PDB file of N, CA and C in Angstrom:
ATOM      1  N   UNK A   1     155.553 189.882 145.739  1.00  0.00           N
ATOM      2  CA  UNK A   1     154.456 188.921 145.733  1.00  0.00           C
ATOM      3  C   UNK A   1     154.340 188.302 144.350  1.00  0.00           C
ATOM      4  N   UNK A   2     154.219 186.995 144.288  1.00  0.00           N
ATOM      5  CA  UNK A   2     154.081 186.347 142.993  1.00  0.00           C
ATOM      6  C   UNK A   2     152.644 186.489 142.504  1.00  0.00           C
ATOM      7  N   UNK A   3     152.502 186.541 141.203  1.00  0.00           N
ATOM      8  CA  UNK A   3     151.184 186.689 140.606  1.00  0.00           C
ATOM      9  C   UNK A   3     150.410 185.388 140.759  1.00  0.00           C
ATOM     10  N   UNK A   4     149.154 185.516 141.135  1.00  0.00           N
ATOM     11  CA  UNK A   4     148.316 184.329 141.285  1.00  0.00           C
ATOM     12  C   UNK A   4     147.813 183.876 139.923  1.00  0.00           C
ATOM     13  N   UNK A   5     147.652 182.565 139.800  1.00  0.00           N
ATOM     14  CA  UNK A   5     147.290 181.966 138.518  1.00  0.00           C
ATOM     15  C   UNK A   5     145.887 181.371 138.563  1.00  0.00           C
ATOM     16  N   UNK A   6     145.123 181.669 137.525  1.00  0.00           N
ATOM     17  CA  UNK A   6     143.799 181.087 137.356  1.00  0.00           C
ATOM     18  C   UNK A   6     143.825 180.250 136.078  1.00  0.00           C
ATOM     19  N   UNK A   7     143.334 179.024 136.169  1.00  0.00           N
ATOM     20  CA  UNK A   7     143.235 178.182 134.984  1.00  0.00           C
ATOM     21  C   UNK A   7     141.808 178.237 134.460  1.00  0.00           C
ATOM     22  N   UNK A   8     141.680 178.520 133.162  1.00  0.00           N
ATOM     23  CA  UNK A   8     140.391 178.558 132.486  1.00  0.00           C
ATOM     24  C   UNK A   8     140.293 177.301 131.619  1.00  0.00           C
ATOM     25  N   UNK A   9     139.317 176.456 131.933  1.00  0.00           N
ATOM     26  CA  UNK A   9     139.089 175.233 131.152  1.00  0.00           C
ATOM     27  C   UNK A   9     137.757 175.414 130.433  1.00  0.00           C
ATOM     28  N   UNK A  10     137.840 175.744 129.145  1.00  0.00           N
ATOM     29  CA  UNK A  10     136.660 176.128 128.368  1.00  0.00           C
ATOM     30  C   UNK A  10     136.921 175.816 126.900  1.00  0.00           C
ATOM     31  N   UNK A  11     136.016 175.046 126.275  1.00  0.00           N
ATOM     32  CA  UNK A  11     136.226 174.670 124.879  1.00  0.00           C
ATOM     33  C   UNK A  11     135.689 175.705 123.887  1.00  0.00           C
ATOM     34  N   UNK A  12     134.911 176.677 124.360  1.00  0.00           N
ATOM     35  CA  UNK A  12     134.434 177.748 123.493  1.00  0.00           C
ATOM     36  C   UNK A  12     135.493 178.854 123.475  1.00  0.00           C
ATOM     37  N   UNK A  13     136.134 179.038 122.306  1.00  0.00           N
ATOM     38  CA  UNK A  13     137.250 179.985 122.220  1.00  0.00           C
ATOM     39  C   UNK A  13     136.859 181.413 122.600  1.00  0.00           C
ATOM     40  N   UNK A  14     135.645 181.843 122.235  1.00  0.00           N
ATOM     41  CA  UNK A  14     135.250 183.224 122.543  1.00  0.00           C
ATOM     42  C   UNK A  14     135.051 183.418 124.050  1.00  0.00           C
ATOM     43  N   UNK A  15     134.471 182.429 124.726  1.00  0.00           N
ATOM     44  CA  UNK A  15     134.292 182.529 126.183  1.00  0.00           C
ATOM     45  C   UNK A  15     135.653 182.457 126.878  1.00  0.00           C
ATOM     46  N   UNK A  16     136.516 181.572 126.405  1.00  0.00           N
ATOM     47  CA  UNK A  16     137.857 181.455 126.969  1.00  0.00           C
ATOM     48  C   UNK A  16     138.608 182.780 126.836  1.00  0.00           C
ATOM     49  N   UNK A  17     138.505 183.410 125.666  1.00  0.00           N
ATOM     50  CA  UNK A  17     139.186 184.695 125.427  1.00  0.00           C
ATOM     51  C   UNK A  17     138.620 185.794 126.333  1.00  0.00           C
ATOM     52  N   UNK A  18     137.293 185.831 126.487  1.00  0.00           N
ATOM     53  CA  UNK A  18     136.652 186.820 127.350  1.00  0.00           C
ATOM     54  C   UNK A  18     137.126 186.658 128.795  1.00  0.00           C
ATOM     55  N   UNK A  19     137.112 185.418 129.283  1.00  0.00           N
ATOM     56  CA  UNK A  19     137.545 185.146 130.659  1.00  0.00           C
ATOM     57  C   UNK A  19     139.016 185.498 130.848  1.00  0.00           C
ATOM     58  N   UNK A  20     139.843 185.106 129.885  1.00  0.00           N
ATOM     59  CA  UNK A  20     141.281 185.376 129.974  1.00  0.00           C
ATOM     60  C   UNK A  20     141.536 186.870 130.064  1.00  0.00           C
ATOM     61  N   UNK A  21     140.904 187.647 129.193  1.00  0.00           N
ATOM     62  CA  UNK A  21     141.090 189.105 129.187  1.00  0.00           C
ATOM     63  C   UNK A  21     140.627 189.721 130.510  1.00  0.00           C
ATOM     64  N   UNK A  22     139.451 189.325 130.993  1.00  0.00           N
ATOM     65  CA  UNK A  22     138.923 189.885 132.241  1.00  0.00           C
ATOM     66  C   UNK A  22     139.839 189.565 133.425  1.00  0.00           C
ATOM     67  N   UNK A  23     140.317 188.333 133.492  1.00  0.00           N
ATOM     68  CA  UNK A  23     141.193 187.925 134.596  1.00  0.00           C
ATOM     69  C   UNK A  23     142.548 188.625 134.519  1.00  0.00           C
ATOM     70  N   UNK A  24     143.097 188.744 133.300  1.00  0.00           N
ATOM     71  CA  UNK A  24     144.377 189.441 133.136  1.00  0.00           C
ATOM     72  C   UNK A  24     144.235 190.918 133.490  1.00  0.00           C
ATOM     73  N   UNK A  25     143.105 191.524 133.115  1.00  0.00           N
ATOM     74  CA  UNK A  25     142.850 192.926 133.473  1.00  0.00           C
ATOM     75  C   UNK A  25     142.752 193.087 134.985  1.00  0.00           C
ATOM     76  N   UNK A  26     142.423 192.016 135.681  1.00  0.00           N
ATOM     77  CA  UNK A  26     142.334 192.011 137.138  1.00  0.00           C
ATOM     78  C   UNK A  26     143.698 191.719 137.779  1.00  0.00           C
ATOM     79  N   UNK A  27     144.741 191.620 136.950  1.00  0.00           N
ATOM     80  CA  UNK A  27     146.092 191.421 137.462  1.00  0.00           C
ATOM     81  C   UNK A  27     146.485 189.974 137.694  1.00  0.00           C
ATOM     82  N   UNK A  28     145.722 189.046 137.129  1.00  0.00           N
ATOM     83  CA  UNK A  28     145.998 187.629 137.349  1.00  0.00           C
ATOM     84  C   UNK A  28     146.688 187.001 136.141  1.00  0.00           C
ATOM     85  N   UNK A  29     147.466 185.971 136.409  1.00  0.00           N
ATOM     86  CA  UNK A  29     148.077 185.178 135.351  1.00  0.00           C
ATOM     87  C   UNK A  29     147.054 184.110 134.951  1.00  0.00           C
ATOM     88  N   UNK A  30     146.907 183.861 133.659  1.00  0.00           N
ATOM     89  CA  UNK A  30     145.911 182.909 133.186  1.00  0.00           C
ATOM     90  C   UNK A  30     146.574 181.820 132.348  1.00  0.00           C
ATOM     91  N   UNK A  31     146.209 180.574 132.640  1.00  0.00           N
ATOM     92  CA  UNK A  31     146.586 179.442 131.796  1.00  0.00           C
ATOM     93  C   UNK A  31     145.277 178.811 131.339  1.00  0.00           C
ATOM     94  N   UNK A  32     145.289 178.221 130.148  1.00  0.00           N
ATOM     95  CA  UNK A  32     144.041 177.686 129.607  1.00  0.00           C
ATOM     96  C   UNK A  32     144.192 176.245 129.142  1.00  0.00           C
ATOM     97  N   UNK A  33     143.048 175.584 129.060  1.00  0.00           N
ATOM     98  CA  UNK A  33     142.955 174.244 128.475  1.00  0.00           C
ATOM     99  C   UNK A  33     141.619 174.182 127.746  1.00  0.00           C
ATOM    100  N   UNK A  34     141.591 173.466 126.618  1.00  0.00           N
ATOM    101  CA  UNK A  34     140.384 173.396 125.798  1.00  0.00           C
ATOM    102  C   UNK A  34     139.605 172.103 125.998  1.00  0.00           C
ATOM    103  N   UNK A  35     140.180 171.130 126.710  1.00  0.00           N
ATOM    104  CA  UNK A  35     139.462 169.879 126.962  1.00  0.00           C
ATOM    105  C   UNK A  35     139.866 169.324 128.321  1.00  0.00           C
ATOM    106  N   UNK A  36     139.111 168.322 128.765  1.00  0.00           N
ATOM    107  CA  UNK A  36     139.322 167.784 130.103  1.00  0.00           C
ATOM    108  C   UNK A  36     140.676 167.132 130.320  1.00  0.00           C
ATOM    109  N   UNK A  37     141.153 166.378 129.317  1.00  0.00           N
ATOM    110  CA  UNK A  37     142.449 165.717 129.475  1.00  0.00           C
ATOM    111  C   UNK A  37     143.575 166.744 129.553  1.00  0.00           C
ATOM    112  N   UNK A  38     143.514 167.765 128.695  1.00  0.00           N
ATOM    113  CA  UNK A  38     144.534 168.824 128.734  1.00  0.00           C
ATOM    114  C   UNK A  38     144.495 169.556 130.073  1.00  0.00           C
ATOM    115  N   UNK A  39     143.298 169.723 130.622  1.00  0.00           N
ATOM    116  CA  UNK A  39     143.161 170.407 131.912  1.00  0.00           C
ATOM    117  C   UNK A  39     143.961 169.700 133.002  1.00  0.00           C
ATOM    118  N   UNK A  40     143.905 168.377 133.015  1.00  0.00           N
ATOM    119  CA  UNK A  40     144.642 167.619 134.032  1.00  0.00           C
ATOM    120  C   UNK A  40     146.149 167.821 133.881  1.00  0.00           C
ATOM    121  N   UNK A  41     146.626 167.809 132.642  1.00  0.00           N
ATOM    122  CA  UNK A  41     148.059 167.997 132.375  1.00  0.00           C
ATOM    123  C   UNK A  41     148.498 169.402 132.798  1.00  0.00           C
ATOM    124  N   UNK A  42     147.740 170.419 132.355  1.00  0.00           N
ATOM    125  CA  UNK A  42     148.082 171.803 132.682  1.00  0.00           C
ATOM    126  C   UNK A  42     148.047 172.023 134.195  1.00  0.00           C
ATOM    127  N   UNK A  43     147.102 171.413 134.853  1.00  0.00           N
ATOM    128  CA  UNK A  43     146.963 171.573 136.302  1.00  0.00           C
ATOM    129  C   UNK A  43     148.194 171.046 137.041  1.00  0.00           C
ATOM    130  N   UNK A  44     148.679 169.898 136.619  1.00  0.00           N
ATOM    131  CA  UNK A  44     149.872 169.318 137.236  1.00  0.00           C
ATOM    132  C   UNK A  44     151.086 170.208 136.974  1.00  0.00           C
ATOM    133  N   UNK A  45     151.207 170.725 135.744  1.00  0.00           N
ATOM    134  CA  UNK A  45     152.370 171.553 135.377  1.00  0.00           C
ATOM    135  C   UNK A  45     152.345 172.925 136.037  1.00  0.00           C
ATOM    136  N   UNK A  46     151.162 173.539 136.108  1.00  0.00           N
ATOM    137  CA  UNK A  46     151.056 174.937 136.513  1.00  0.00           C
ATOM    138  C   UNK A  46     150.627 175.162 137.962  1.00  0.00           C
ATOM    139  N   UNK A  47     149.970 174.179 138.576  1.00  0.00           N
ATOM    140  CA  UNK A  47     149.447 174.332 139.945  1.00  0.00           C
ATOM    141  C   UNK A  47     148.705 175.665 140.115  1.00  0.00           C
ATOM    142  N   UNK A  48     147.596 175.856 139.386  1.00  0.00           N
ATOM    143  CA  UNK A  48     146.881 177.135 139.492  1.00  0.00           C
ATOM    144  C   UNK A  48     146.307 177.342 140.891  1.00  0.00           C
ATOM    145  N   UNK A  49     146.003 178.610 141.203  1.00  0.00           N
ATOM    146  CA  UNK A  49     145.436 178.956 142.511  1.00  0.00           C
ATOM    147  C   UNK A  49     143.922 178.776 142.530  1.00  0.00           C
ATOM    148  N   UNK A  50     143.286 178.913 141.356  1.00  0.00           N
ATOM    149  CA  UNK A  50     141.843 178.710 141.189  1.00  0.00           C
ATOM    150  C   UNK A  50     141.620 178.125 139.803  1.00  0.00           C
ATOM    151  N   UNK A  51     140.587 177.281 139.665  1.00  0.00           N
ATOM    152  CA  UNK A  51     140.245 176.705 138.362  1.00  0.00           C
ATOM    153  C   UNK A  51     138.817 177.093 138.000  1.00  0.00           C
ATOM    154  N   UNK A  52     138.644 177.676 136.810  1.00  0.00           N
ATOM    155  CA  UNK A  52     137.312 177.921 136.241  1.00  0.00           C
ATOM    156  C   UNK A  52     137.084 176.781 135.263  1.00  0.00           C
ATOM    157  N   UNK A  53     136.054 175.981 135.514  1.00  0.00           N
ATOM    158  CA  UNK A  53     135.894 174.717 134.808  1.00  0.00           C
ATOM    159  C   UNK A  53     134.519 174.586 134.167  1.00  0.00           C
ATOM    160  N   UNK A  54     134.501 174.416 132.852  1.00  0.00           N
ATOM    161  CA  UNK A  54     133.257 174.136 132.137  1.00  0.00           C
ATOM    162  C   UNK A  54     132.906 172.668 132.393  1.00  0.00           C
ATOM    163  N   UNK A  55     131.638 172.310 132.243  1.00  0.00           N
ATOM    164  CA  UNK A  55     131.228 170.915 132.407  1.00  0.00           C
ATOM    165  C   UNK A  55     131.267 170.178 131.070  1.00  0.00           C
ATOM    166  N   UNK A  56     130.707 170.799 130.033  1.00  0.00           N
ATOM    167  CA  UNK A  56     130.650 170.162 128.709  1.00  0.00           C
ATOM    168  C   UNK A  56     131.972 170.374 127.984  1.00  0.00           C
ATOM    169  N   UNK A  57     132.853 169.394 128.127  1.00  0.00           N
ATOM    170  CA  UNK A  57     134.184 169.483 127.518  1.00  0.00           C
ATOM    171  C   UNK A  57     134.459 168.254 126.666  1.00  0.00           C
ATOM    172  N   UNK A  58     135.275 168.421 125.615  1.00  0.00           N
ATOM    173  CA  UNK A  58     135.704 167.245 124.860  1.00  0.00           C
ATOM    174  C   UNK A  58     136.627 166.363 125.715  1.00  0.00           C
ATOM    175  N   UNK A  59     136.674 165.091 125.389  1.00  0.00           N
ATOM    176  CA  UNK A  59     137.573 164.076 125.968  1.00  0.00           C
ATOM    177  C   UNK A  59     137.249 163.669 127.402  1.00  0.00           C
ATOM    178  N   UNK A  60     136.985 164.639 128.290  1.00  0.00           N
ATOM    179  CA  UNK A  60     136.691 164.324 129.692  1.00  0.00           C
ATOM    180  C   UNK A  60     135.859 165.474 130.239  1.00  0.00           C
ATOM    181  N   UNK A  61     134.655 165.181 130.755  1.00  0.00           N
ATOM    182  CA  UNK A  61     133.796 166.277 131.208  1.00  0.00           C
ATOM    183  C   UNK A  61     134.310 166.903 132.502  1.00  0.00           C
ATOM    184  N   UNK A  62     133.806 168.101 132.788  1.00  0.00           N
ATOM    185  CA  UNK A  62     134.271 168.860 133.947  1.00  0.00           C
ATOM    186  C   UNK A  62     134.066 168.166 135.281  1.00  0.00           C
ATOM    187  N   UNK A  63     132.942 167.435 135.423  1.00  0.00           N
ATOM    188  CA  UNK A  63     132.710 166.704 136.674  1.00  0.00           C
ATOM    189  C   UNK A  63     133.827 165.682 136.895  1.00  0.00           C
ATOM    190  N   UNK A  64     134.198 164.965 135.826  1.00  0.00           N
ATOM    191  CA  UNK A  64     135.271 163.959 135.924  1.00  0.00           C
ATOM    192  C   UNK A  64     136.616 164.608 136.219  1.00  0.00           C
ATOM    193  N   UNK A  65     136.880 165.753 135.584  1.00  0.00           N
ATOM    194  CA  UNK A  65     138.129 166.479 135.848  1.00  0.00           C
ATOM    195  C   UNK A  65     138.206 166.851 137.327  1.00  0.00           C
ATOM    196  N   UNK A  66     137.126 167.419 137.853  1.00  0.00           N
ATOM    197  CA  UNK A  66     137.110 167.838 139.261  1.00  0.00           C
ATOM    198  C   UNK A  66     137.343 166.656 140.191  1.00  0.00           C
ATOM    199  N   UNK A  67     136.663 165.547 139.925  1.00  0.00           N
ATOM    200  CA  UNK A  67     136.825 164.363 140.776  1.00  0.00           C
ATOM    201  C   UNK A  67     138.259 163.846 140.745  1.00  0.00           C
ATOM    202  N   UNK A  68     138.868 163.844 139.562  1.00  0.00           N
ATOM    203  CA  UNK A  68     140.260 163.373 139.462  1.00  0.00           C
ATOM    204  C   UNK A  68     141.202 164.300 140.209  1.00  0.00           C
ATOM    205  N   UNK A  69     140.998 165.616 140.078  1.00  0.00           N
ATOM    206  CA  UNK A  69     141.861 166.566 140.783  1.00  0.00           C
ATOM    207  C   UNK A  69     141.724 166.406 142.289  1.00  0.00           C
ATOM    208  N   UNK A  70     140.504 166.184 142.765  1.00  0.00           N
ATOM    209  CA  UNK A  70     140.276 166.023 144.203  1.00  0.00           C
ATOM    210  C   UNK A  70     140.900 164.734 144.733  1.00  0.00           C
ATOM    211  N   UNK A  71     141.249 163.807 143.820  1.00  0.00           N
ATOM    212  CA  UNK A  71     141.883 162.557 144.215  1.00  0.00           C
ATOM    213  C   UNK A  71     143.400 162.624 144.271  1.00  0.00           C
ATOM    214  N   UNK A  72     143.978 163.780 143.942  1.00  0.00           N
ATOM    215  CA  UNK A  72     145.435 163.945 143.947  1.00  0.00           C
ATOM    216  C   UNK A  72     145.807 164.883 145.097  1.00  0.00           C
ATOM    217  N   UNK A  73     146.588 164.362 146.038  1.00  0.00           N
ATOM    218  CA  UNK A  73     146.906 165.136 147.242  1.00  0.00           C
ATOM    219  C   UNK A  73     147.429 166.538 146.955  1.00  0.00           C
ATOM    220  N   UNK A  74     148.337 166.667 145.980  1.00  0.00           N
ATOM    221  CA  UNK A  74     148.948 167.969 145.720  1.00  0.00           C
ATOM    222  C   UNK A  74     148.008 168.939 144.992  1.00  0.00           C
ATOM    223  N   UNK A  75     146.886 168.443 144.482  1.00  0.00           N
ATOM    224  CA  UNK A  75     145.966 169.290 143.712  1.00  0.00           C
ATOM    225  C   UNK A  75     144.584 169.434 144.356  1.00  0.00           C
ATOM    226  N   UNK A  76     144.284 168.613 145.354  1.00  0.00           N
ATOM    227  CA  UNK A  76     142.913 168.531 145.863  1.00  0.00           C
ATOM    228  C   UNK A  76     142.419 169.796 146.543  1.00  0.00           C
ATOM    229  N   UNK A  77     143.320 170.679 146.969  1.00  0.00           N
ATOM    230  CA  UNK A  77     142.892 171.894 147.657  1.00  0.00           C
ATOM    231  C   UNK A  77     142.728 173.103 146.745  1.00  0.00           C
ATOM    232  N   UNK A  78     142.936 172.917 145.446  1.00  0.00           N
ATOM    233  CA  UNK A  78     142.739 174.022 144.505  1.00  0.00           C
ATOM    234  C   UNK A  78     141.235 174.262 144.362  1.00  0.00           C
ATOM    235  N   UNK A  79     140.762 175.475 144.658  1.00  0.00           N
ATOM    236  CA  UNK A  79     139.320 175.733 144.539  1.00  0.00           C
ATOM    237  C   UNK A  79     138.862 175.699 143.080  1.00  0.00           C
ATOM    238  N   UNK A  80     137.687 175.130 142.866  1.00  0.00           N
ATOM    239  CA  UNK A  80     137.114 175.005 141.529  1.00  0.00           C
ATOM    240  C   UNK A  80     135.797 175.776 141.468  1.00  0.00           C
ATOM    241  N   UNK A  81     135.648 176.565 140.402  1.00  0.00           N
ATOM    242  CA  UNK A  81     134.372 177.220 140.110  1.00  0.00           C
ATOM    243  C   UNK A  81     133.870 176.626 138.798  1.00  0.00           C
ATOM    244  N   UNK A  82     132.734 175.944 138.841  1.00  0.00           N
ATOM    245  CA  UNK A  82     132.133 175.472 137.598  1.00  0.00           C
ATOM    246  C   UNK A  82     131.462 176.650 136.909  1.00  0.00           C
ATOM    247  N   UNK A  83     131.640 176.731 135.598  1.00  0.00           N
ATOM    248  CA  UNK A  83     131.046 177.779 134.777  1.00  0.00           C
ATOM    249  C   UNK A  83     130.447 177.065 133.576  1.00  0.00           C
ATOM    250  N   UNK A  84     129.133 176.896 133.571  1.00  0.00           N
ATOM    251  CA  UNK A  84     128.537 175.978 132.613  1.00  0.00           C
ATOM    252  C   UNK A  84     127.128 176.378 132.195  1.00  0.00           C
ATOM    253  N   UNK A  85     126.703 175.853 131.076  1.00  0.00           N
ATOM    254  CA  UNK A  85     125.321 176.057 130.622  1.00  0.00           C
ATOM    255  C   UNK A  85     124.374 175.058 131.297  1.00  0.00           C
ATOM    256  N   UNK A  86     124.926 174.048 131.964  1.00  0.00           N
ATOM    257  CA  UNK A  86     124.091 173.030 132.624  1.00  0.00           C
ATOM    258  C   UNK A  86     123.497 173.638 133.894  1.00  0.00           C
ATOM    259  N   UNK A  87     122.207 173.974 133.817  1.00  0.00           N
ATOM    260  CA  UNK A  87     121.605 174.740 134.909  1.00  0.00           C
ATOM    261  C   UNK A  87     120.526 173.990 135.685  1.00  0.00           C
ATOM    262  N   UNK A  88     120.424 172.683 135.477  1.00  0.00           N
ATOM    263  CA  UNK A  88     119.442 171.913 136.257  1.00  0.00           C
ATOM    264  C   UNK A  88     119.960 171.737 137.686  1.00  0.00           C
ATOM    265  N   UNK A  89     119.038 171.732 138.657  1.00  0.00           N
ATOM    266  CA  UNK A  89     119.472 171.522 140.052  1.00  0.00           C
ATOM    267  C   UNK A  89     120.313 170.254 140.220  1.00  0.00           C
ATOM    268  N   UNK A  90     119.968 169.192 139.481  1.00  0.00           N
ATOM    269  CA  UNK A  90     120.745 167.946 139.601  1.00  0.00           C
ATOM    270  C   UNK A  90     122.188 168.141 139.132  1.00  0.00           C
ATOM    271  N   UNK A  91     122.400 168.998 138.118  1.00  0.00           N
ATOM    272  CA  UNK A  91     123.761 169.293 137.653  1.00  0.00           C
ATOM    273  C   UNK A  91     124.527 170.063 138.719  1.00  0.00           C
ATOM    274  N   UNK A  92     123.843 171.016 139.345  1.00  0.00           N
ATOM    275  CA  UNK A  92     124.495 171.805 140.402  1.00  0.00           C
ATOM    276  C   UNK A  92     124.917 170.904 141.554  1.00  0.00           C
ATOM    277  N   UNK A  93     124.057 169.963 141.914  1.00  0.00           N
ATOM    278  CA  UNK A  93     124.388 169.018 142.986  1.00  0.00           C
ATOM    279  C   UNK A  93     125.610 168.193 142.594  1.00  0.00           C
ATOM    280  N   UNK A  94     125.643 167.701 141.351  1.00  0.00           N
ATOM    281  CA  UNK A  94     126.809 166.946 140.870  1.00  0.00           C
ATOM    282  C   UNK A  94     128.079 167.789 140.962  1.00  0.00           C
ATOM    283  N   UNK A  95     127.962 169.064 140.615  1.00  0.00           N
ATOM    284  CA  UNK A  95     129.124 169.957 140.667  1.00  0.00           C
ATOM    285  C   UNK A  95     129.654 170.133 142.071  1.00  0.00           C
ATOM    286  N   UNK A  96     128.759 170.341 143.015  1.00  0.00           N
ATOM    287  CA  UNK A  96     129.175 170.503 144.409  1.00  0.00           C
ATOM    288  C   UNK A  96     129.755 169.185 144.944  1.00  0.00           C
ATOM    289  N   UNK A  97     129.115 168.071 144.582  1.00  0.00           N
ATOM    290  CA  UNK A  97     129.631 166.757 145.010  1.00  0.00           C
ATOM    291  C   UNK A  97     131.012 166.479 144.413  1.00  0.00           C
ATOM    292  N   UNK A  98     131.264 167.020 143.222  1.00  0.00           N
ATOM    293  CA  UNK A  98     132.575 166.833 142.577  1.00  0.00           C
ATOM    294  C   UNK A  98     133.642 167.712 143.223  1.00  0.00           C
ATOM    295  N   UNK A  99     133.228 168.608 144.108  1.00  0.00           N
ATOM    296  CA  UNK A  99     134.202 169.395 144.857  1.00  0.00           C
ATOM    297  C   UNK A  99     134.245 170.877 144.535  1.00  0.00           C
ATOM    298  N   UNK A 100     133.264 171.390 143.799  1.00  0.00           N
ATOM    299  CA  UNK A 100     133.292 172.810 143.434  1.00  0.00           C
ATOM    300  C   UNK A 100     132.960 173.709 144.620  1.00  0.00           C
ATOM    301  N   UNK A 101     133.623 174.872 144.656  1.00  0.00           N
ATOM    302  CA  UNK A 101     133.310 175.896 145.660  1.00  0.00           C
ATOM    303  C   UNK A 101     132.098 176.707 145.197  1.00  0.00           C
ATOM    304  N   UNK A 102     131.992 176.922 143.884  1.00  0.00           N
ATOM    305  CA  UNK A 102     130.878 177.677 143.308  1.00  0.00           C
ATOM    306  C   UNK A 102     130.428 176.988 142.024  1.00  0.00           C
ATOM    307  N   UNK A 103     129.163 177.222 141.668  1.00  0.00           N
ATOM    308  CA  UNK A 103     128.593 176.658 140.442  1.00  0.00           C
ATOM    309  C   UNK A 103     127.826 177.791 139.776  1.00  0.00           C
ATOM    310  N   UNK A 104     128.416 178.376 138.734  1.00  0.00           N
ATOM    311  CA  UNK A 104     127.795 179.496 138.023  1.00  0.00           C
ATOM    312  C   UNK A 104     127.300 179.018 136.665  1.00  0.00           C
ATOM    313  N   UNK A 105     126.145 179.529 136.261  1.00  0.00           N
ATOM    314  CA  UNK A 105     125.603 179.117 134.969  1.00  0.00           C
ATOM    315  C   UNK A 105     125.736 180.237 133.936  1.00  0.00           C
ATOM    316  N   UNK A 106     125.885 179.808 132.685  1.00  0.00           N
ATOM    317  CA  UNK A 106     125.955 180.749 131.565  1.00  0.00           C
ATOM    318  C   UNK A 106     124.534 181.086 131.136  1.00  0.00           C
ATOM    319  N   UNK A 107     124.266 182.314 130.727  1.00  0.00           N
ATOM    320  CA  UNK A 107     125.215 183.440 130.715  1.00  0.00           C
ATOM    321  C   UNK A 107     125.527 183.889 132.146  1.00  0.00           C
ATOM    322  N   UNK A 108     126.733 184.352 132.356  1.00  0.00           N
ATOM    323  CA  UNK A 108     127.180 184.735 133.695  1.00  0.00           C
ATOM    324  C   UNK A 108     127.520 186.220 133.731  1.00  0.00           C
ATOM    325  N   UNK A 109     127.530 186.775 134.931  1.00  0.00           N
ATOM    326  CA  UNK A 109     127.924 188.161 135.142  1.00  0.00           C
ATOM    327  C   UNK A 109     129.421 188.165 135.443  1.00  0.00           C
ATOM    328  N   UNK A 110     130.210 188.831 134.585  1.00  0.00           N
ATOM    329  CA  UNK A 110     131.671 188.784 134.720  1.00  0.00           C
ATOM    330  C   UNK A 110     132.133 189.390 136.049  1.00  0.00           C
ATOM    331  N   UNK A 111     131.474 190.449 136.528  1.00  0.00           N
ATOM    332  CA  UNK A 111     131.875 191.043 137.807  1.00  0.00           C
ATOM    333  C   UNK A 111     131.605 190.092 138.970  1.00  0.00           C
ATOM    334  N   UNK A 112     130.481 189.384 138.907  1.00  0.00           N
ATOM    335  CA  UNK A 112     130.153 188.394 139.930  1.00  0.00           C
ATOM    336  C   UNK A 112     131.222 187.295 139.939  1.00  0.00           C
ATOM    337  N   UNK A 113     131.597 186.829 138.756  1.00  0.00           N
ATOM    338  CA  UNK A 113     132.626 185.792 138.633  1.00  0.00           C
ATOM    339  C   UNK A 113     133.959 186.283 139.190  1.00  0.00           C
ATOM    340  N   UNK A 114     134.380 187.482 138.796  1.00  0.00           N
ATOM    341  CA  UNK A 114     135.652 188.027 139.281  1.00  0.00           C
ATOM    342  C   UNK A 114     135.631 188.187 140.800  1.00  0.00           C
ATOM    343  N   UNK A 115     134.491 188.569 141.351  1.00  0.00           N
ATOM    344  CA  UNK A 115     134.356 188.687 142.801  1.00  0.00           C
ATOM    345  C   UNK A 115     134.570 187.357 143.506  1.00  0.00           C
ATOM    346  N   UNK A 116     133.992 186.302 142.940  1.00  0.00           N
ATOM    347  CA  UNK A 116     134.158 184.962 143.524  1.00  0.00           C
ATOM    348  C   UNK A 116     135.621 184.501 143.426  1.00  0.00           C
ATOM    349  N   UNK A 117     136.262 184.780 142.290  1.00  0.00           N
ATOM    350  CA  UNK A 117     137.678 184.416 142.109  1.00  0.00           C
ATOM    351  C   UNK A 117     138.523 185.154 143.138  1.00  0.00           C
ATOM    352  N   UNK A 118     138.319 186.467 143.270  1.00  0.00           N
ATOM    353  CA  UNK A 118     139.085 187.263 144.244  1.00  0.00           C
ATOM    354  C   UNK A 118     138.927 186.708 145.655  1.00  0.00           C
ATOM    355  N   UNK A 119     137.699 186.372 146.006  1.00  0.00           N
ATOM    356  CA  UNK A 119     137.416 185.851 147.349  1.00  0.00           C
ATOM    357  C   UNK A 119     138.187 184.545 147.591  1.00  0.00           C
ATOM    358  N   UNK A 120     138.216 183.667 146.590  1.00  0.00           N
ATOM    359  CA  UNK A 120     138.934 182.394 146.742  1.00  0.00           C
ATOM    360  C   UNK A 120     140.451 182.598 146.806  1.00  0.00           C
ATOM    361  N   UNK A 121     140.940 183.686 146.256  1.00  0.00           N
ATOM    362  CA  UNK A 121     142.385 183.951 146.251  1.00  0.00           C
ATOM    363  C   UNK A 121     142.866 184.630 147.522  1.00  0.00           C
ATOM    364  N   UNK A 122     141.934 185.065 148.365  1.00  0.00           N
ATOM    365  CA  UNK A 122     142.334 185.766 149.609  1.00  0.00           C
ATOM    366  C   UNK A 122     143.064 184.849 150.561  1.00  0.00           C
TER     367      UNK A 122
END
């Protein structure tokens, strides 16, 4: 069985490192991007199985990244989990409209996040 890949799109290095370590400890392969434009490039190259996507990103925000990915036939079915400090109901609605399967706010529970990732990988 090939290892499943999760892409972490997060501009905060400490959060990115925490997520990467937790996902790798869960037996997953992790690829990362620090901004929205890089996320699109990495996504095309790596075809991750799940994307953890921050909203507040340099160059291109997470909502825009999600909308662009959903517009590409070969990438539109990759599940997206937003992981963000934007916790207003209107932000959550934007996230779901952009195509997210889940919308988690920071601070987040790492076990809850890993559970959602596992469920999407089934």
